[in-house]
Amino acid sequence: MKGKITTVVFDIGNVLIEWDPRHLYRRIFDTPEEIEHFLSTICTSAWNLEFDRGKSFAEGIAELVAKHPKHEAAIRAFDERWGEMIPGLVPGTLALMERLEERQVPLYAITNFSAEKYAEARVRFPFFDRFRGVIVSGREQILKPDTAIFDLLLNRYDLRAADCLFIDDSVANVAGARSAGMRAHHFRDAKGLETELAALGLL
């Protein structure tokens, strides 16, 4: 893709902060097998994605408890102990963000995130407020990799797709950004991202 990249757009989960429900459920279940069974049959990825689409936790938890009353405590923990799913920062990425900031590179974010839990995480991670703009799927009721969520960022903040580098750990989301005309980096670790940013002249 031709043209100089001037703007960086971050994903948040597993790019800047670690998120994995297993961090919580290791404290609830005795074996890895029990954890995987619970996450594949009850509190599934598809169920969780509905919170990112805008469903309230109160509604989603109540529906699941009605279906699986024997697992009520573990289901409610998904909401009440949600913070335990986030052990902390992804190593190295915040430091790269800060270096970009020092070079006055405009920083934005697009995240598949429950609106409720985004507000909670924002208190814990105040660096979220350093973005010039953030598109939160739960607020907008649009999920990545839908091209519409990338277009929303571009239109709301008057950005050009060709000027933007989007960073995400999901291959599908990277493809969605490219479909919207952005350059995109599939995030694996901070070292690989640093190499990409340097190659683009951003660091």
N, C-alpha and C. Protein backbone atom coordinates (compact mmCIF):
# COMPACT_ATOMS: atom_id res chain seq x y z
N MET A 1 0.84 -1.18 0.00
CA MET A 1 0.00 0.00 0.00
C MET A 1 0.89 1.24 0.00
N LYS A 2 0.64 2.16 -0.91
CA LYS A 2 1.45 3.35 -1.05
C LYS A 2 1.00 4.43 -0.07
N GLY A 3 1.89 5.41 0.14
CA GLY A 3 1.54 6.52 1.02
C GLY A 3 2.16 6.36 2.38
N LYS A 4 2.37 7.46 3.05
CA LYS A 4 3.02 7.46 4.37
C LYS A 4 1.98 7.26 5.48
N ILE A 5 2.28 6.33 6.37
CA ILE A 5 1.42 6.11 7.52
C ILE A 5 1.71 7.19 8.56
N THR A 6 0.67 7.85 9.01
CA THR A 6 0.83 8.93 9.99
C THR A 6 0.09 8.67 11.30
N THR A 7 -0.83 7.71 11.30
CA THR A 7 -1.76 7.51 12.41
C THR A 7 -1.79 6.04 12.79
N VAL A 8 -1.81 5.75 14.10
CA VAL A 8 -1.82 4.37 14.56
C VAL A 8 -3.11 4.10 15.34
N VAL A 9 -3.75 2.98 14.99
CA VAL A 9 -5.02 2.58 15.61
C VAL A 9 -4.81 1.22 16.29
N PHE A 10 -4.97 1.20 17.59
CA PHE A 10 -4.74 -0.02 18.38
C PHE A 10 -6.04 -0.77 18.65
N ASP A 11 -5.95 -2.09 18.65
CA ASP A 11 -6.88 -2.93 19.39
C ASP A 11 -6.43 -2.86 20.85
N ILE A 12 -7.27 -3.25 21.79
CA ILE A 12 -6.90 -3.17 23.21
C ILE A 12 -6.65 -4.56 23.81
N GLY A 13 -7.65 -5.46 23.74
CA GLY A 13 -7.52 -6.77 24.36
C GLY A 13 -6.47 -7.62 23.67
N ASN A 14 -5.50 -8.10 24.44
CA ASN A 14 -4.40 -8.94 23.99
C ASN A 14 -3.46 -8.25 23.01
N VAL A 15 -3.55 -6.92 22.99
CA VAL A 15 -2.54 -6.08 22.35
C VAL A 15 -1.93 -5.15 23.39
N LEU A 16 -2.78 -4.49 24.16
CA LEU A 16 -2.32 -3.62 25.24
C LEU A 16 -2.54 -4.22 26.63
N ILE A 17 -3.70 -4.85 26.84
CA ILE A 17 -3.95 -5.53 28.11
C ILE A 17 -4.25 -7.00 27.83
N GLU A 18 -3.79 -7.86 28.71
CA GLU A 18 -4.06 -9.30 28.57
C GLU A 18 -5.49 -9.58 29.01
N TRP A 19 -6.16 -10.44 28.25
CA TRP A 19 -7.51 -10.88 28.64
C TRP A 19 -7.66 -12.35 28.31
N ASP A 20 -8.02 -13.13 29.31
CA ASP A 20 -8.28 -14.56 29.10
C ASP A 20 -9.10 -15.03 30.29
N PRO A 21 -10.33 -15.53 30.07
CA PRO A 21 -11.15 -15.98 31.20
C PRO A 21 -10.52 -17.12 32.00
N ARG A 22 -9.55 -17.79 31.41
CA ARG A 22 -8.90 -18.89 32.14
C ARG A 22 -8.18 -18.39 33.38
N HIS A 23 -7.72 -17.15 33.37
CA HIS A 23 -7.07 -16.60 34.56
C HIS A 23 -8.02 -16.63 35.75
N LEU A 24 -9.30 -16.36 35.50
CA LEU A 24 -10.31 -16.43 36.55
C LEU A 24 -10.66 -17.86 36.89
N TYR A 25 -10.96 -18.67 35.86
CA TYR A 25 -11.54 -19.98 36.12
C TYR A 25 -10.53 -21.00 36.65
N ARG A 26 -9.25 -20.69 36.59
CA ARG A 26 -8.27 -21.54 37.29
C ARG A 26 -8.47 -21.47 38.80
N ARG A 27 -9.10 -20.39 39.26
CA ARG A 27 -9.36 -20.21 40.69
C ARG A 27 -10.69 -20.82 41.11
N ILE A 28 -11.46 -21.25 40.13
CA ILE A 28 -12.80 -21.78 40.41
C ILE A 28 -12.87 -23.29 40.19
N PHE A 29 -12.24 -23.76 39.11
CA PHE A 29 -12.26 -25.19 38.79
C PHE A 29 -10.93 -25.84 39.15
N ASP A 30 -10.97 -27.14 39.33
CA ASP A 30 -9.78 -27.87 39.79
C ASP A 30 -8.85 -28.29 38.66
N THR A 31 -9.39 -28.51 37.48
CA THR A 31 -8.55 -29.05 36.40
C THR A 31 -8.72 -28.24 35.11
N PRO A 32 -7.71 -28.26 34.24
CA PRO A 32 -7.83 -27.59 32.94
C PRO A 32 -8.99 -28.13 32.12
N GLU A 33 -9.27 -29.42 32.26
CA GLU A 33 -10.36 -30.03 31.50
C GLU A 33 -11.71 -29.43 31.90
N GLU A 34 -11.91 -29.20 33.19
CA GLU A 34 -13.16 -28.59 33.66
C GLU A 34 -13.30 -27.16 33.12
N ILE A 35 -12.20 -26.45 33.13
CA ILE A 35 -12.22 -25.07 32.61
C ILE A 35 -12.62 -25.07 31.14
N GLU A 36 -11.96 -25.90 30.35
CA GLU A 36 -12.21 -25.91 28.91
C GLU A 36 -13.64 -26.36 28.60
N HIS A 37 -14.14 -27.31 29.37
CA HIS A 37 -15.52 -27.76 29.17
C HIS A 37 -16.49 -26.62 29.47
N PHE A 38 -16.27 -25.91 30.56
CA PHE A 38 -17.14 -24.80 30.94
C PHE A 38 -17.12 -23.70 29.87
N LEU A 39 -15.93 -23.35 29.39
CA LEU A 39 -15.81 -22.26 28.42
C LEU A 39 -16.24 -22.65 27.01
N SER A 40 -16.31 -23.92 26.74
CA SER A 40 -16.74 -24.36 25.40
C SER A 40 -18.22 -24.71 25.34
N THR A 41 -18.84 -24.91 26.52
CA THR A 41 -20.25 -25.33 26.51
C THR A 41 -21.20 -24.37 27.24
N ILE A 42 -20.67 -23.54 28.13
CA ILE A 42 -21.55 -22.66 28.93
C ILE A 42 -21.19 -21.19 28.69
N CYS A 43 -20.14 -20.69 29.28
CA CYS A 43 -19.71 -19.30 29.02
C CYS A 43 -18.82 -19.29 27.78
N THR A 44 -19.46 -19.45 26.64
CA THR A 44 -18.73 -19.63 25.38
C THR A 44 -18.26 -18.30 24.80
N SER A 45 -17.39 -18.38 23.82
CA SER A 45 -16.92 -17.18 23.11
C SER A 45 -18.09 -16.47 22.43
N ALA A 46 -18.99 -17.23 21.83
CA ALA A 46 -20.15 -16.63 21.15
C ALA A 46 -21.04 -15.90 22.13
N TRP A 47 -21.24 -16.48 23.32
CA TRP A 47 -22.04 -15.82 24.36
C TRP A 47 -21.38 -14.53 24.81
N ASN A 48 -20.08 -14.57 25.05
CA ASN A 48 -19.34 -13.38 25.46
C ASN A 48 -19.37 -12.29 24.40
N LEU A 49 -19.34 -12.71 23.13
CA LEU A 49 -19.33 -11.73 22.04
C LEU A 49 -20.59 -10.87 22.04
N GLU A 50 -21.69 -11.40 22.56
CA GLU A 50 -22.91 -10.60 22.62
C GLU A 50 -22.78 -9.40 23.55
N PHE A 51 -21.94 -9.50 24.57
CA PHE A 51 -21.67 -8.34 25.42
C PHE A 51 -20.90 -7.28 24.62
N ASP A 52 -19.97 -7.76 23.79
CA ASP A 52 -19.22 -6.83 22.94
C ASP A 52 -20.14 -6.19 21.90
N ARG A 53 -21.25 -6.86 21.60
CA ARG A 53 -22.22 -6.32 20.64
C ARG A 53 -23.21 -5.36 21.29
N GLY A 54 -23.23 -5.32 22.62
CA GLY A 54 -24.07 -4.35 23.31
C GLY A 54 -25.04 -4.92 24.33
N LYS A 55 -25.13 -6.25 24.44
CA LYS A 55 -26.03 -6.84 25.46
C LYS A 55 -25.50 -6.51 26.85
N SER A 56 -26.41 -6.27 27.80
CA SER A 56 -25.99 -6.00 29.17
C SER A 56 -25.58 -7.29 29.86
N PHE A 57 -24.66 -7.17 30.83
CA PHE A 57 -24.26 -8.34 31.59
C PHE A 57 -25.43 -8.87 32.42
N ALA A 58 -26.25 -7.99 32.94
CA ALA A 58 -27.40 -8.45 33.73
C ALA A 58 -28.28 -9.39 32.91
N GLU A 59 -28.56 -9.02 31.67
CA GLU A 59 -29.40 -9.84 30.81
C GLU A 59 -28.71 -11.14 30.43
N GLY A 60 -27.46 -11.04 29.99
CA GLY A 60 -26.74 -12.24 29.55
C GLY A 60 -26.52 -13.25 30.66
N ILE A 61 -26.19 -12.76 31.85
CA ILE A 61 -25.99 -13.66 32.98
C ILE A 61 -27.30 -14.33 33.38
N ALA A 62 -28.37 -13.55 33.45
CA ALA A 62 -29.67 -14.10 33.85
C ALA A 62 -30.12 -15.20 32.88
N GLU A 63 -29.95 -14.97 31.60
CA GLU A 63 -30.34 -15.97 30.59
C GLU A 63 -29.57 -17.26 30.78
N LEU A 64 -28.27 -17.14 31.04
CA LEU A 64 -27.44 -18.35 31.15
C LEU A 64 -27.68 -19.09 32.45
N VAL A 65 -27.90 -18.36 33.53
CA VAL A 65 -28.21 -19.01 34.81
C VAL A 65 -29.52 -19.78 34.71
N ALA A 66 -30.49 -19.24 33.98
CA ALA A 66 -31.77 -19.94 33.79
C ALA A 66 -31.58 -21.26 33.06
N LYS A 67 -30.61 -21.30 32.12
CA LYS A 67 -30.34 -22.52 31.35
C LYS A 67 -29.47 -23.51 32.13
N HIS A 68 -28.58 -22.98 32.95
CA HIS A 68 -27.59 -23.84 33.64
C HIS A 68 -27.55 -23.48 35.13
N PRO A 69 -28.63 -23.70 35.86
CA PRO A 69 -28.68 -23.27 37.27
C PRO A 69 -27.62 -23.92 38.15
N LYS A 70 -27.17 -25.11 37.81
CA LYS A 70 -26.15 -25.79 38.62
C LYS A 70 -24.80 -25.05 38.56
N HIS A 71 -24.62 -24.24 37.52
CA HIS A 71 -23.36 -23.52 37.35
C HIS A 71 -23.51 -22.03 37.67
N GLU A 72 -24.53 -21.70 38.45
CA GLU A 72 -24.82 -20.28 38.69
C GLU A 72 -23.63 -19.51 39.24
N ALA A 73 -22.95 -20.06 40.22
CA ALA A 73 -21.84 -19.31 40.83
C ALA A 73 -20.73 -19.04 39.83
N ALA A 74 -20.40 -20.03 39.02
CA ALA A 74 -19.33 -19.86 38.03
C ALA A 74 -19.75 -18.89 36.93
N ILE A 75 -21.04 -18.94 36.56
CA ILE A 75 -21.54 -18.01 35.53
C ILE A 75 -21.51 -16.58 36.06
N ARG A 76 -21.98 -16.38 37.27
CA ARG A 76 -22.00 -15.03 37.85
C ARG A 76 -20.58 -14.48 38.02
N ALA A 77 -19.63 -15.36 38.23
CA ALA A 77 -18.24 -14.92 38.37
C ALA A 77 -17.74 -14.23 37.10
N PHE A 78 -18.29 -14.62 35.95
CA PHE A 78 -17.87 -14.01 34.68
C PHE A 78 -18.11 -12.51 34.71
N ASP A 79 -19.14 -12.09 35.42
CA ASP A 79 -19.45 -10.67 35.60
C ASP A 79 -18.79 -10.11 36.85
N GLU A 80 -19.06 -10.74 37.98
CA GLU A 80 -18.66 -10.18 39.28
C GLU A 80 -17.15 -10.20 39.49
N ARG A 81 -16.46 -11.14 38.85
CA ARG A 81 -15.01 -11.25 39.00
C ARG A 81 -14.29 -11.06 37.68
N TRP A 82 -14.94 -10.32 36.79
CA TRP A 82 -14.41 -10.11 35.43
C TRP A 82 -12.98 -9.56 35.44
N GLY A 83 -12.67 -8.68 36.37
CA GLY A 83 -11.33 -8.10 36.42
C GLY A 83 -10.22 -9.11 36.60
N GLU A 84 -10.55 -10.28 37.17
CA GLU A 84 -9.54 -11.32 37.36
C GLU A 84 -9.14 -11.99 36.05
N MET A 85 -9.87 -11.72 34.98
CA MET A 85 -9.50 -12.25 33.66
C MET A 85 -8.36 -11.44 33.05
N ILE A 86 -8.08 -10.28 33.63
CA ILE A 86 -7.04 -9.39 33.10
C ILE A 86 -5.90 -9.32 34.11
N PRO A 87 -4.83 -10.09 33.92
CA PRO A 87 -3.73 -10.07 34.88
C PRO A 87 -2.89 -8.79 34.81
N GLY A 88 -2.96 -8.09 33.68
CA GLY A 88 -2.16 -6.87 33.55
C GLY A 88 -1.92 -6.52 32.09
N LEU A 89 -0.82 -5.83 31.85
CA LEU A 89 -0.48 -5.35 30.51
C LEU A 89 0.17 -6.44 29.68
N VAL A 90 -0.02 -6.36 28.38
CA VAL A 90 0.76 -7.16 27.44
C VAL A 90 2.19 -6.59 27.47
N PRO A 91 3.19 -7.41 27.68
CA PRO A 91 4.55 -6.89 27.82
C PRO A 91 5.01 -6.06 26.61
N GLY A 92 5.45 -4.85 26.91
CA GLY A 92 6.12 -4.03 25.90
C GLY A 92 5.27 -3.12 25.06
N THR A 93 3.98 -3.37 24.94
CA THR A 93 3.18 -2.60 23.99
C THR A 93 2.91 -1.17 24.46
N LEU A 94 2.63 -1.00 25.74
CA LEU A 94 2.38 0.34 26.25
C LEU A 94 3.62 1.22 26.05
N ALA A 95 4.80 0.66 26.23
CA ALA A 95 6.03 1.42 26.02
C ALA A 95 6.12 1.91 24.57
N LEU A 96 5.70 1.08 23.62
CA LEU A 96 5.69 1.49 22.21
C LEU A 96 4.68 2.60 21.98
N MET A 97 3.52 2.47 22.61
CA MET A 97 2.50 3.51 22.50
C MET A 97 3.05 4.83 23.03
N GLU A 98 3.76 4.78 24.13
CA GLU A 98 4.32 6.00 24.72
C GLU A 98 5.39 6.62 23.82
N ARG A 99 6.17 5.77 23.16
CA ARG A 99 7.18 6.30 22.22
C ARG A 99 6.51 6.97 21.02
N LEU A 100 5.43 6.38 20.55
CA LEU A 100 4.68 7.01 19.46
C LEU A 100 4.11 8.35 19.90
N GLU A 101 3.61 8.37 21.12
CA GLU A 101 3.04 9.59 21.67
C GLU A 101 4.10 10.70 21.75
N GLU A 102 5.30 10.33 22.17
CA GLU A 102 6.40 11.30 22.25
C GLU A 102 6.73 11.90 20.89
N ARG A 103 6.52 11.09 19.83
CA ARG A 103 6.77 11.57 18.47
C ARG A 103 5.53 12.25 17.86
N GLN A 104 4.52 12.44 18.71
CA GLN A 104 3.29 13.13 18.33
C GLN A 104 2.52 12.42 17.21
N VAL A 105 2.64 11.07 17.21
CA VAL A 105 1.84 10.26 16.28
C VAL A 105 0.42 10.19 16.82
N PRO A 106 -0.60 10.56 16.06
CA PRO A 106 -1.99 10.45 16.54
C PRO A 106 -2.35 8.99 16.82
N LEU A 107 -2.92 8.74 18.00
CA LEU A 107 -3.26 7.38 18.44
C LEU A 107 -4.76 7.26 18.67
N TYR A 108 -5.32 6.19 18.13
CA TYR A 108 -6.75 5.88 18.28
C TYR A 108 -6.89 4.41 18.64
N ALA A 109 -8.10 3.98 18.93
CA ALA A 109 -8.35 2.56 19.23
C ALA A 109 -9.71 2.14 18.71
N ILE A 110 -9.78 0.89 18.27
CA ILE A 110 -11.04 0.22 17.95
C ILE A 110 -11.02 -1.09 18.72
N THR A 111 -12.02 -1.31 19.57
CA THR A 111 -12.00 -2.50 20.41
C THR A 111 -13.36 -3.18 20.47
N ASN A 112 -13.35 -4.51 20.36
CA ASN A 112 -14.54 -5.29 20.68
C ASN A 112 -14.56 -5.44 22.20
N PHE A 113 -15.46 -4.70 22.85
CA PHE A 113 -15.43 -4.59 24.31
C PHE A 113 -16.84 -4.26 24.76
N SER A 114 -17.30 -4.91 25.82
CA SER A 114 -18.55 -4.52 26.47
C SER A 114 -18.45 -3.07 26.93
N ALA A 115 -19.49 -2.29 26.70
CA ALA A 115 -19.48 -0.90 27.16
C ALA A 115 -19.33 -0.83 28.68
N GLU A 116 -19.99 -1.74 29.39
CA GLU A 116 -19.90 -1.77 30.85
C GLU A 116 -18.48 -2.07 31.32
N LYS A 117 -17.88 -3.08 30.73
CA LYS A 117 -16.56 -3.50 31.19
C LYS A 117 -15.47 -2.56 30.68
N TYR A 118 -15.72 -1.89 29.56
CA TYR A 118 -14.77 -0.88 29.11
C TYR A 118 -14.68 0.23 30.15
N ALA A 119 -15.83 0.66 30.66
CA ALA A 119 -15.84 1.71 31.69
C ALA A 119 -15.08 1.25 32.93
N GLU A 120 -15.23 -0.02 33.28
CA GLU A 120 -14.53 -0.59 34.44
C GLU A 120 -13.01 -0.63 34.19
N ALA A 121 -12.63 -1.10 33.00
CA ALA A 121 -11.21 -1.21 32.67
C ALA A 121 -10.55 0.16 32.57
N ARG A 122 -11.30 1.13 32.14
CA ARG A 122 -10.77 2.49 31.99
C ARG A 122 -10.31 3.07 33.32
N VAL A 123 -10.99 2.70 34.39
CA VAL A 123 -10.59 3.14 35.73
C VAL A 123 -9.26 2.48 36.11
N ARG A 124 -9.13 1.21 35.79
CA ARG A 124 -7.91 0.46 36.13
C ARG A 124 -6.74 0.85 35.24
N PHE A 125 -7.02 1.16 33.97
CA PHE A 125 -5.97 1.47 33.01
C PHE A 125 -6.19 2.88 32.45
N PRO A 126 -5.77 3.91 33.17
CA PRO A 126 -6.05 5.28 32.74
C PRO A 126 -5.38 5.68 31.44
N PHE A 127 -4.41 4.89 30.95
CA PHE A 127 -3.80 5.23 29.67
C PHE A 127 -4.81 5.16 28.52
N PHE A 128 -5.95 4.49 28.71
CA PHE A 128 -6.99 4.49 27.68
C PHE A 128 -7.37 5.92 27.29
N ASP A 129 -7.33 6.82 28.25
CA ASP A 129 -7.76 8.20 28.00
C ASP A 129 -6.76 8.99 27.17
N ARG A 130 -5.63 8.40 26.87
CA ARG A 130 -4.63 9.10 26.07
C ARG A 130 -4.88 8.95 24.57
N PHE A 131 -5.79 8.07 24.19
CA PHE A 131 -6.17 7.98 22.78
C PHE A 131 -6.95 9.23 22.39
N ARG A 132 -6.76 9.67 21.16
CA ARG A 132 -7.53 10.82 20.66
C ARG A 132 -8.99 10.45 20.41
N GLY A 133 -9.24 9.17 20.22
CA GLY A 133 -10.59 8.68 20.04
C GLY A 133 -10.62 7.17 20.16
N VAL A 134 -11.71 6.63 20.67
CA VAL A 134 -11.86 5.18 20.83
C VAL A 134 -13.25 4.77 20.34
N ILE A 135 -13.29 3.75 19.51
CA ILE A 135 -14.56 3.14 19.09
C ILE A 135 -14.72 1.85 19.88
N VAL A 136 -15.74 1.80 20.73
CA VAL A 136 -16.03 0.63 21.57
C VAL A 136 -17.24 -0.08 20.98
N SER A 137 -17.07 -1.32 20.60
CA SER A 137 -18.14 -2.05 19.90
C SER A 137 -19.44 -2.08 20.70
N GLY A 138 -19.33 -2.27 22.02
CA GLY A 138 -20.53 -2.37 22.84
C GLY A 138 -21.35 -1.09 22.86
N ARG A 139 -20.70 0.04 22.67
CA ARG A 139 -21.43 1.31 22.57
C ARG A 139 -22.09 1.46 21.21
N GLU A 140 -21.40 1.01 20.19
CA GLU A 140 -21.84 1.24 18.81
C GLU A 140 -22.70 0.11 18.27
N GLN A 141 -22.65 -1.04 18.94
CA GLN A 141 -23.37 -2.25 18.51
C GLN A 141 -22.92 -2.69 17.11
N ILE A 142 -21.63 -2.55 16.87
CA ILE A 142 -20.97 -3.05 15.66
C ILE A 142 -19.70 -3.75 16.10
N LEU A 143 -19.44 -4.93 15.55
CA LEU A 143 -18.26 -5.70 15.93
C LEU A 143 -17.22 -5.72 14.82
N LYS A 144 -15.94 -5.69 15.20
CA LYS A 144 -14.92 -6.10 14.25
C LYS A 144 -15.15 -7.57 13.94
N PRO A 145 -14.91 -8.03 12.74
CA PRO A 145 -14.22 -7.37 11.62
C PRO A 145 -15.13 -6.64 10.63
N ASP A 146 -16.36 -6.33 11.00
CA ASP A 146 -17.26 -5.61 10.10
C ASP A 146 -16.59 -4.31 9.64
N THR A 147 -16.52 -4.12 8.33
CA THR A 147 -15.90 -2.91 7.78
C THR A 147 -16.55 -1.64 8.34
N ALA A 148 -17.81 -1.73 8.72
CA ALA A 148 -18.54 -0.55 9.21
C ALA A 148 -17.89 0.06 10.45
N ILE A 149 -17.26 -0.76 11.30
CA ILE A 149 -16.67 -0.21 12.52
C ILE A 149 -15.41 0.58 12.21
N PHE A 150 -14.69 0.16 11.18
CA PHE A 150 -13.51 0.90 10.75
C PHE A 150 -13.93 2.21 10.07
N ASP A 151 -14.97 2.12 9.25
CA ASP A 151 -15.49 3.33 8.60
C ASP A 151 -16.00 4.33 9.63
N LEU A 152 -16.57 3.82 10.72
CA LEU A 152 -17.07 4.70 11.77
C LEU A 152 -15.93 5.51 12.39
N LEU A 153 -14.81 4.85 12.68
CA LEU A 153 -13.65 5.57 13.20
C LEU A 153 -13.20 6.65 12.23
N LEU A 154 -13.06 6.27 10.97
CA LEU A 154 -12.57 7.21 9.95
C LEU A 154 -13.48 8.43 9.82
N ASN A 155 -14.77 8.17 9.80
CA ASN A 155 -15.73 9.27 9.63
C ASN A 155 -15.84 10.14 10.88
N ARG A 156 -15.87 9.50 12.04
CA ARG A 156 -16.06 10.26 13.28
C ARG A 156 -14.87 11.18 13.57
N TYR A 157 -13.67 10.71 13.23
CA TYR A 157 -12.47 11.48 13.59
C TYR A 157 -11.78 12.09 12.36
N ASP A 158 -12.47 12.06 11.22
CA ASP A 158 -11.98 12.69 10.00
C ASP A 158 -10.58 12.20 9.64
N LEU A 159 -10.45 10.87 9.56
CA LEU A 159 -9.19 10.23 9.21
C LEU A 159 -9.27 9.64 7.81
N ARG A 160 -8.11 9.48 7.18
CA ARG A 160 -8.02 8.79 5.89
C ARG A 160 -7.51 7.39 6.13
N ALA A 161 -8.18 6.40 5.55
CA ALA A 161 -7.79 5.01 5.75
C ALA A 161 -6.34 4.76 5.36
N ALA A 162 -5.90 5.36 4.26
CA ALA A 162 -4.55 5.13 3.77
C ALA A 162 -3.47 5.68 4.69
N ASP A 163 -3.86 6.56 5.61
CA ASP A 163 -2.90 7.14 6.57
C ASP A 163 -2.74 6.29 7.82
N CYS A 164 -3.59 5.27 7.98
CA CYS A 164 -3.70 4.56 9.26
C CYS A 164 -3.07 3.18 9.24
N LEU A 165 -2.37 2.86 10.33
CA LEU A 165 -1.94 1.49 10.62
C LEU A 165 -2.81 0.96 11.74
N PHE A 166 -3.48 -0.17 11.51
CA PHE A 166 -4.32 -0.81 12.52
C PHE A 166 -3.58 -2.02 13.06
N ILE A 167 -3.63 -2.22 14.38
CA ILE A 167 -2.89 -3.29 15.06
C ILE A 167 -3.89 -4.16 15.82
N ASP A 168 -3.89 -5.47 15.54
CA ASP A 168 -4.85 -6.37 16.20
C ASP A 168 -4.25 -7.77 16.27
N ASP A 169 -4.61 -8.53 17.31
CA ASP A 169 -4.13 -9.91 17.44
C ASP A 169 -4.97 -10.89 16.65
N SER A 170 -6.09 -10.45 16.09
CA SER A 170 -6.99 -11.32 15.34
C SER A 170 -6.76 -11.19 13.84
N VAL A 171 -6.53 -12.32 13.18
CA VAL A 171 -6.34 -12.31 11.73
C VAL A 171 -7.58 -11.78 11.02
N ALA A 172 -8.76 -12.15 11.51
CA ALA A 172 -10.00 -11.69 10.87
C ALA A 172 -10.14 -10.18 10.98
N ASN A 173 -9.77 -9.62 12.13
CA ASN A 173 -9.87 -8.17 12.31
C ASN A 173 -8.86 -7.42 11.46
N VAL A 174 -7.68 -8.00 11.31
CA VAL A 174 -6.67 -7.42 10.42
C VAL A 174 -7.21 -7.38 8.99
N ALA A 175 -7.85 -8.46 8.57
CA ALA A 175 -8.44 -8.50 7.22
C ALA A 175 -9.55 -7.46 7.09
N GLY A 176 -10.35 -7.28 8.15
CA GLY A 176 -11.41 -6.27 8.12
C GLY A 176 -10.86 -4.88 7.94
N ALA A 177 -9.77 -4.58 8.62
CA ALA A 177 -9.14 -3.26 8.50
C ALA A 177 -8.61 -3.05 7.09
N ARG A 178 -8.01 -4.08 6.54
CA ARG A 178 -7.48 -3.97 5.17
C ARG A 178 -8.61 -3.76 4.17
N SER A 179 -9.74 -4.40 4.42
CA SER A 179 -10.90 -4.20 3.54
C SER A 179 -11.39 -2.76 3.59
N ALA A 180 -11.17 -2.10 4.73
CA ALA A 180 -11.57 -0.70 4.88
C ALA A 180 -10.52 0.26 4.33
N GLY A 181 -9.41 -0.29 3.83
CA GLY A 181 -8.38 0.54 3.20
C GLY A 181 -7.20 0.88 4.08
N MET A 182 -7.17 0.33 5.30
CA MET A 182 -6.06 0.60 6.21
C MET A 182 -4.91 -0.38 5.96
N ARG A 183 -3.72 0.04 6.32
CA ARG A 183 -2.64 -0.92 6.48
C ARG A 183 -2.88 -1.59 7.83
N ALA A 184 -2.51 -2.86 7.98
CA ALA A 184 -2.79 -3.56 9.23
C ALA A 184 -1.65 -4.49 9.60
N HIS A 185 -1.43 -4.59 10.90
CA HIS A 185 -0.37 -5.44 11.46
C HIS A 185 -1.00 -6.50 12.34
N HIS A 186 -0.69 -7.77 12.06
CA HIS A 186 -1.16 -8.86 12.92
C HIS A 186 -0.23 -8.95 14.12
N PHE A 187 -0.74 -8.56 15.29
CA PHE A 187 0.07 -8.49 16.50
C PHE A 187 0.32 -9.87 17.08
N ARG A 188 1.60 -10.16 17.33
CA ARG A 188 1.99 -11.38 18.05
C ARG A 188 2.75 -11.03 19.32
N ASP A 189 3.62 -10.03 19.22
CA ASP A 189 4.34 -9.56 20.40
C ASP A 189 4.86 -8.15 20.11
N ALA A 190 5.34 -7.48 21.17
CA ALA A 190 5.77 -6.10 21.04
C ALA A 190 7.00 -5.97 20.14
N LYS A 191 7.86 -6.97 20.14
CA LYS A 191 9.07 -6.90 19.32
C LYS A 191 8.72 -6.83 17.84
N GLY A 192 7.78 -7.68 17.42
CA GLY A 192 7.36 -7.66 16.02
C GLY A 192 6.69 -6.35 15.65
N LEU A 193 5.90 -5.81 16.57
CA LEU A 193 5.25 -4.53 16.32
C LEU A 193 6.29 -3.41 16.23
N GLU A 194 7.28 -3.44 17.10
CA GLU A 194 8.33 -2.42 17.06
C GLU A 194 9.04 -2.43 15.71
N THR A 195 9.32 -3.62 15.19
CA THR A 195 9.96 -3.74 13.88
C THR A 195 9.11 -3.10 12.79
N GLU A 196 7.80 -3.38 12.84
CA GLU A 196 6.88 -2.82 11.84
C GLU A 196 6.81 -1.29 11.95
N LEU A 197 6.70 -0.79 13.16
CA LEU A 197 6.60 0.67 13.36
C LEU A 197 7.87 1.37 12.90
N ALA A 198 9.01 0.75 13.18
CA ALA A 198 10.28 1.34 12.74
C ALA A 198 10.38 1.35 11.21
N ALA A 199 9.94 0.25 10.58
CA ALA A 199 9.99 0.15 9.12
C ALA A 199 9.12 1.21 8.46
N LEU A 200 8.06 1.61 9.15
CA LEU A 200 7.16 2.63 8.62
C LEU A 200 7.60 4.05 8.96
N GLY A 201 8.73 4.16 9.69
CA GLY A 201 9.24 5.46 10.06
C GLY A 201 8.48 6.13 11.19
N LEU A 202 7.74 5.33 11.96
CA LEU A 202 6.96 5.88 13.07
C LEU A 202 7.73 5.91 14.37
N LEU A 203 8.81 5.12 14.45
CA LEU A 203 9.68 5.11 15.64
C LEU A 203 11.09 5.49 15.23
